[in-house]
Amino acid sequence: MLRRARWWLVGSGAALAPGAALAQERVPEWGWGMHPMWWVWGAGGIVMMLFVLLFWGMVIAGLVVGIRWLVTQGRASGTDSAMQILRERYARGDISREEFEAKRRDLGP
């Protein structure tokens, strides 16, 4: 029984072995001419390299912008810079109480 199982494994392996060789075969529609990457006197590789550099540049820029946005989210919450400046000017005496109240109403709550 064990011998029969061994022969079955050997036979199935021999039957599947050409499949690995066929999987590595060159695509027939290319023929024996130039590779499709070599269009415009070989500029295809250069164009592909530039697009890859552009892609990774955009990925890195997106990460930097995203991280900067996340960092500034914590700082910007809860501060009203216009009202703060108005309060500082009133505290220094640059504007009178009437001006302060008028500008505060203009700025809103």
N, C-alpha and C. Protein backbone atom coordinates (compact mmCIF):
# COMPACT_ATOMS: atom_id res chain seq x y z
N MET A 1 0.82 -1.18 0.00
CA MET A 1 0.00 0.00 0.00
C MET A 1 0.88 1.26 0.00
N LEU A 2 1.94 1.24 0.82
CA LEU A 2 2.84 2.38 0.90
C LEU A 2 3.56 2.61 -0.42
N ARG A 3 3.89 1.54 -1.12
CA ARG A 3 4.55 1.68 -2.42
C ARG A 3 3.63 2.34 -3.44
N ARG A 4 2.36 1.97 -3.37
CA ARG A 4 1.40 2.55 -4.31
C ARG A 4 1.26 4.06 -4.07
N ALA A 5 1.29 4.50 -2.81
CA ALA A 5 1.19 5.91 -2.48
C ALA A 5 2.42 6.67 -2.96
N ARG A 6 3.60 6.06 -2.86
CA ARG A 6 4.81 6.71 -3.35
C ARG A 6 4.77 6.92 -4.84
N TRP A 7 4.32 5.94 -5.57
CA TRP A 7 4.26 6.05 -7.02
C TRP A 7 3.24 7.10 -7.45
N TRP A 8 2.18 7.21 -6.65
CA TRP A 8 1.18 8.23 -6.97
C TRP A 8 1.77 9.63 -6.80
N LEU A 9 2.57 9.83 -5.73
CA LEU A 9 3.22 11.12 -5.52
C LEU A 9 4.24 11.43 -6.61
N VAL A 10 5.02 10.43 -6.99
CA VAL A 10 6.02 10.62 -8.04
C VAL A 10 5.33 10.91 -9.36
N GLY A 11 4.27 10.22 -9.65
CA GLY A 11 3.55 10.43 -10.91
C GLY A 11 2.90 11.80 -10.97
N SER A 12 2.30 12.24 -9.87
CA SER A 12 1.67 13.56 -9.89
C SER A 12 2.73 14.65 -9.99
N GLY A 13 3.88 14.48 -9.34
CA GLY A 13 4.96 15.46 -9.44
C GLY A 13 5.50 15.54 -10.86
N ALA A 14 5.62 14.39 -11.52
CA ALA A 14 6.11 14.37 -12.90
C ALA A 14 5.09 15.02 -13.84
N ALA A 15 3.82 14.89 -13.52
CA ALA A 15 2.79 15.49 -14.37
C ALA A 15 2.74 17.00 -14.19
N LEU A 16 3.05 17.50 -12.97
CA LEU A 16 2.98 18.93 -12.71
C LEU A 16 4.28 19.67 -13.03
N ALA A 17 5.37 18.99 -13.21
CA ALA A 17 6.66 19.63 -13.46
C ALA A 17 6.66 20.49 -14.72
N PRO A 18 6.07 20.09 -15.82
CA PRO A 18 6.08 20.98 -16.99
C PRO A 18 5.31 22.28 -16.76
N GLY A 19 4.37 22.29 -15.81
CA GLY A 19 3.61 23.50 -15.52
C GLY A 19 4.52 24.61 -14.99
N ALA A 20 5.52 24.26 -14.20
CA ALA A 20 6.45 25.26 -13.68
C ALA A 20 7.29 25.85 -14.82
N ALA A 21 7.69 25.01 -15.75
CA ALA A 21 8.46 25.51 -16.89
C ALA A 21 7.60 26.38 -17.79
N LEU A 22 6.34 26.00 -17.99
CA LEU A 22 5.45 26.80 -18.83
C LEU A 22 5.12 28.14 -18.19
N ALA A 23 5.09 28.20 -16.88
CA ALA A 23 4.80 29.45 -16.20
C ALA A 23 5.92 30.46 -16.39
N GLN A 24 7.12 29.99 -16.70
CA GLN A 24 8.25 30.89 -16.89
C GLN A 24 8.46 31.25 -18.35
N GLU A 25 7.62 30.76 -19.21
CA GLU A 25 7.75 31.01 -20.64
C GLU A 25 7.51 32.48 -20.95
N ARG A 26 8.21 32.97 -21.93
CA ARG A 26 8.05 34.37 -22.34
C ARG A 26 6.70 34.54 -23.05
N VAL A 27 6.07 35.70 -22.84
CA VAL A 27 4.77 35.95 -23.45
C VAL A 27 4.94 36.01 -24.96
N PRO A 28 4.14 35.22 -25.71
CA PRO A 28 4.38 35.13 -27.16
C PRO A 28 4.09 36.41 -27.94
N GLU A 29 3.22 37.31 -27.47
CA GLU A 29 2.92 38.47 -28.30
C GLU A 29 4.04 39.49 -28.34
N TRP A 30 5.02 39.38 -27.46
CA TRP A 30 6.15 40.29 -27.54
C TRP A 30 7.04 39.92 -28.73
N GLY A 31 7.03 38.69 -29.09
CA GLY A 31 7.90 38.24 -30.16
C GLY A 31 9.35 38.32 -29.74
N TRP A 32 10.23 38.45 -30.72
CA TRP A 32 11.65 38.55 -30.41
C TRP A 32 12.16 39.97 -30.60
N GLY A 33 11.24 40.92 -30.70
CA GLY A 33 11.64 42.32 -30.87
C GLY A 33 12.03 42.94 -29.55
N MET A 34 11.90 44.24 -29.52
CA MET A 34 12.27 44.98 -28.31
C MET A 34 11.20 44.81 -27.24
N HIS A 35 11.62 44.94 -26.03
CA HIS A 35 10.71 44.89 -24.89
C HIS A 35 9.81 46.12 -24.94
N PRO A 36 8.54 46.02 -24.57
CA PRO A 36 7.64 47.17 -24.66
C PRO A 36 8.07 48.36 -23.80
N MET A 37 8.92 48.13 -22.83
CA MET A 37 9.39 49.21 -21.97
C MET A 37 10.32 50.16 -22.73
N TRP A 38 10.89 49.71 -23.83
CA TRP A 38 11.89 50.50 -24.53
C TRP A 38 11.29 51.32 -25.66
N TRP A 39 10.19 52.04 -25.40
CA TRP A 39 9.62 52.89 -26.43
C TRP A 39 10.34 54.23 -26.45
N VAL A 40 10.26 54.94 -27.48
CA VAL A 40 10.89 56.25 -27.69
C VAL A 40 12.39 56.17 -27.41
N TRP A 41 13.09 55.34 -28.09
CA TRP A 41 14.53 55.19 -28.01
C TRP A 41 15.03 54.94 -26.60
N GLY A 42 14.32 54.15 -25.85
CA GLY A 42 14.76 53.76 -24.53
C GLY A 42 14.36 54.70 -23.42
N ALA A 43 13.49 55.65 -23.68
CA ALA A 43 13.09 56.60 -22.64
C ALA A 43 12.04 56.02 -21.71
N GLY A 44 11.50 54.85 -22.01
CA GLY A 44 10.47 54.25 -21.17
C GLY A 44 10.95 54.01 -19.75
N GLY A 45 12.18 53.55 -19.61
CA GLY A 45 12.73 53.31 -18.28
C GLY A 45 12.90 54.60 -17.49
N ILE A 46 13.31 55.66 -18.18
CA ILE A 46 13.51 56.94 -17.50
C ILE A 46 12.16 57.51 -17.06
N VAL A 47 11.16 57.40 -17.93
CA VAL A 47 9.82 57.90 -17.58
C VAL A 47 9.27 57.11 -16.40
N MET A 48 9.45 55.79 -16.41
CA MET A 48 8.98 54.96 -15.30
C MET A 48 9.68 55.36 -14.00
N MET A 49 10.99 55.61 -14.07
CA MET A 49 11.73 56.00 -12.88
C MET A 49 11.22 57.35 -12.35
N LEU A 50 10.94 58.30 -13.23
CA LEU A 50 10.42 59.59 -12.79
C LEU A 50 9.05 59.46 -12.14
N PHE A 51 8.19 58.60 -12.69
CA PHE A 51 6.88 58.40 -12.09
C PHE A 51 6.99 57.74 -10.71
N VAL A 52 7.92 56.83 -10.55
CA VAL A 52 8.12 56.19 -9.24
C VAL A 52 8.62 57.23 -8.23
N LEU A 53 9.56 58.08 -8.65
CA LEU A 53 10.04 59.14 -7.76
C LEU A 53 8.92 60.12 -7.42
N LEU A 54 8.08 60.45 -8.39
CA LEU A 54 6.93 61.33 -8.14
C LEU A 54 5.97 60.68 -7.16
N PHE A 55 5.70 59.40 -7.33
CA PHE A 55 4.80 58.68 -6.43
C PHE A 55 5.32 58.72 -5.00
N TRP A 56 6.59 58.36 -4.80
CA TRP A 56 7.13 58.33 -3.44
C TRP A 56 7.25 59.73 -2.85
N GLY A 57 7.53 60.72 -3.70
CA GLY A 57 7.55 62.10 -3.22
C GLY A 57 6.18 62.53 -2.71
N MET A 58 5.12 62.13 -3.43
CA MET A 58 3.77 62.48 -3.00
C MET A 58 3.40 61.74 -1.72
N VAL A 59 3.82 60.49 -1.59
CA VAL A 59 3.54 59.73 -0.37
C VAL A 59 4.22 60.38 0.83
N ILE A 60 5.49 60.74 0.68
CA ILE A 60 6.23 61.37 1.78
C ILE A 60 5.65 62.74 2.12
N ALA A 61 5.31 63.54 1.09
CA ALA A 61 4.70 64.85 1.34
C ALA A 61 3.36 64.70 2.04
N GLY A 62 2.58 63.71 1.64
CA GLY A 62 1.29 63.47 2.30
C GLY A 62 1.47 63.10 3.77
N LEU A 63 2.46 62.28 4.06
CA LEU A 63 2.72 61.93 5.45
C LEU A 63 3.15 63.15 6.27
N VAL A 64 4.00 63.98 5.70
CA VAL A 64 4.47 65.17 6.42
C VAL A 64 3.31 66.11 6.68
N VAL A 65 2.48 66.35 5.65
CA VAL A 65 1.33 67.25 5.82
C VAL A 65 0.35 66.67 6.84
N GLY A 66 0.11 65.37 6.79
CA GLY A 66 -0.80 64.74 7.73
C GLY A 66 -0.30 64.83 9.16
N ILE A 67 0.98 64.59 9.37
CA ILE A 67 1.54 64.66 10.72
C ILE A 67 1.51 66.09 11.24
N ARG A 68 1.85 67.07 10.37
CA ARG A 68 1.80 68.47 10.80
C ARG A 68 0.38 68.88 11.14
N TRP A 69 -0.59 68.41 10.38
CA TRP A 69 -1.99 68.74 10.66
C TRP A 69 -2.42 68.16 12.01
N LEU A 70 -2.01 66.91 12.27
CA LEU A 70 -2.36 66.29 13.55
C LEU A 70 -1.72 67.02 14.72
N VAL A 71 -0.49 67.47 14.56
CA VAL A 71 0.21 68.18 15.63
C VAL A 71 -0.45 69.53 15.90
N THR A 72 -0.85 70.25 14.85
CA THR A 72 -1.43 71.57 15.05
C THR A 72 -2.88 71.51 15.53
N GLN A 73 -3.54 70.39 15.41
CA GLN A 73 -4.91 70.26 15.88
C GLN A 73 -5.01 70.49 17.38
N GLY A 74 -4.08 70.00 18.14
CA GLY A 74 -4.11 70.15 19.59
C GLY A 74 -3.84 71.58 20.03
N ARG A 75 -3.00 72.29 19.29
CA ARG A 75 -2.65 73.65 19.65
C ARG A 75 -3.75 74.66 19.33
N ALA A 76 -4.42 74.49 18.21
CA ALA A 76 -5.35 75.49 17.73
C ALA A 76 -6.70 75.44 18.44
N SER A 77 -7.01 74.39 19.13
CA SER A 77 -8.33 74.27 19.73
C SER A 77 -8.44 75.15 20.97
N GLY A 78 -9.55 75.92 21.06
CA GLY A 78 -9.83 76.69 22.25
C GLY A 78 -9.19 78.07 22.31
N THR A 79 -8.41 78.48 21.34
CA THR A 79 -7.81 79.80 21.38
C THR A 79 -8.45 80.67 20.31
N ASP A 80 -8.88 81.85 20.72
CA ASP A 80 -9.44 82.83 19.79
C ASP A 80 -8.46 83.98 19.73
N SER A 81 -7.63 83.99 18.70
CA SER A 81 -6.53 84.95 18.66
C SER A 81 -7.02 86.39 18.52
N ALA A 82 -8.10 86.63 17.78
CA ALA A 82 -8.58 88.01 17.62
C ALA A 82 -9.05 88.58 18.96
N MET A 83 -9.81 87.79 19.70
CA MET A 83 -10.29 88.25 21.00
C MET A 83 -9.13 88.43 21.98
N GLN A 84 -8.14 87.57 21.89
CA GLN A 84 -6.97 87.67 22.76
C GLN A 84 -6.20 88.96 22.48
N ILE A 85 -6.05 89.29 21.20
CA ILE A 85 -5.35 90.53 20.83
C ILE A 85 -6.15 91.74 21.31
N LEU A 86 -7.48 91.68 21.16
CA LEU A 86 -8.33 92.77 21.62
C LEU A 86 -8.20 92.98 23.13
N ARG A 87 -8.18 91.89 23.88
CA ARG A 87 -8.01 91.99 25.33
C ARG A 87 -6.65 92.58 25.70
N GLU A 88 -5.61 92.18 24.99
CA GLU A 88 -4.27 92.71 25.26
C GLU A 88 -4.20 94.20 24.97
N ARG A 89 -4.81 94.63 23.88
CA ARG A 89 -4.80 96.06 23.55
C ARG A 89 -5.56 96.87 24.61
N TYR A 90 -6.66 96.32 25.09
CA TYR A 90 -7.44 97.01 26.14
C TYR A 90 -6.64 97.06 27.45
N ALA A 91 -5.95 95.97 27.75
CA ALA A 91 -5.16 95.92 28.98
C ALA A 91 -3.99 96.90 28.93
N ARG A 92 -3.39 97.10 27.78
CA ARG A 92 -2.28 98.05 27.65
C ARG A 92 -2.77 99.50 27.61
N GLY A 93 -4.07 99.68 27.36
CA GLY A 93 -4.61 101.04 27.30
C GLY A 93 -4.60 101.62 25.91
N ASP A 94 -4.37 100.77 24.88
CA ASP A 94 -4.35 101.27 23.50
C ASP A 94 -5.74 101.69 23.04
N ILE A 95 -6.79 101.02 23.56
CA ILE A 95 -8.16 101.35 23.17
C ILE A 95 -9.00 101.62 24.42
N SER A 96 -10.06 102.40 24.24
CA SER A 96 -10.93 102.72 25.38
C SER A 96 -11.94 101.60 25.59
N ARG A 97 -12.70 101.72 26.69
CA ARG A 97 -13.71 100.70 27.02
C ARG A 97 -14.80 100.66 25.96
N GLU A 98 -15.21 101.82 25.42
CA GLU A 98 -16.25 101.85 24.39
C GLU A 98 -15.78 101.14 23.13
N GLU A 99 -14.52 101.39 22.73
CA GLU A 99 -13.97 100.71 21.54
C GLU A 99 -13.88 99.20 21.78
N PHE A 100 -13.44 98.83 22.99
CA PHE A 100 -13.33 97.41 23.32
C PHE A 100 -14.69 96.72 23.21
N GLU A 101 -15.75 97.36 23.79
CA GLU A 101 -17.08 96.74 23.75
C GLU A 101 -17.61 96.67 22.33
N ALA A 102 -17.38 97.69 21.52
CA ALA A 102 -17.85 97.70 20.13
C ALA A 102 -17.16 96.60 19.32
N LYS A 103 -15.86 96.48 19.48
CA LYS A 103 -15.12 95.46 18.72
C LYS A 103 -15.46 94.05 19.22
N ARG A 104 -15.70 93.92 20.52
CA ARG A 104 -16.09 92.60 21.05
C ARG A 104 -17.42 92.16 20.47
N ARG A 105 -18.37 93.10 20.34
CA ARG A 105 -19.66 92.77 19.73
C ARG A 105 -19.48 92.41 18.25
N ASP A 106 -18.56 93.09 17.58
CA ASP A 106 -18.31 92.78 16.16
C ASP A 106 -17.72 91.38 15.99
N LEU A 107 -16.86 91.00 16.90
CA LEU A 107 -16.23 89.68 16.80
C LEU A 107 -17.19 88.55 17.15
N GLY A 108 -18.20 88.83 17.97
CA GLY A 108 -19.18 87.80 18.33
C GLY A 108 -18.78 87.09 19.61
N PRO A 109 -19.56 86.05 19.98
CA PRO A 109 -19.31 85.36 21.26
C PRO A 109 -18.04 84.57 21.28
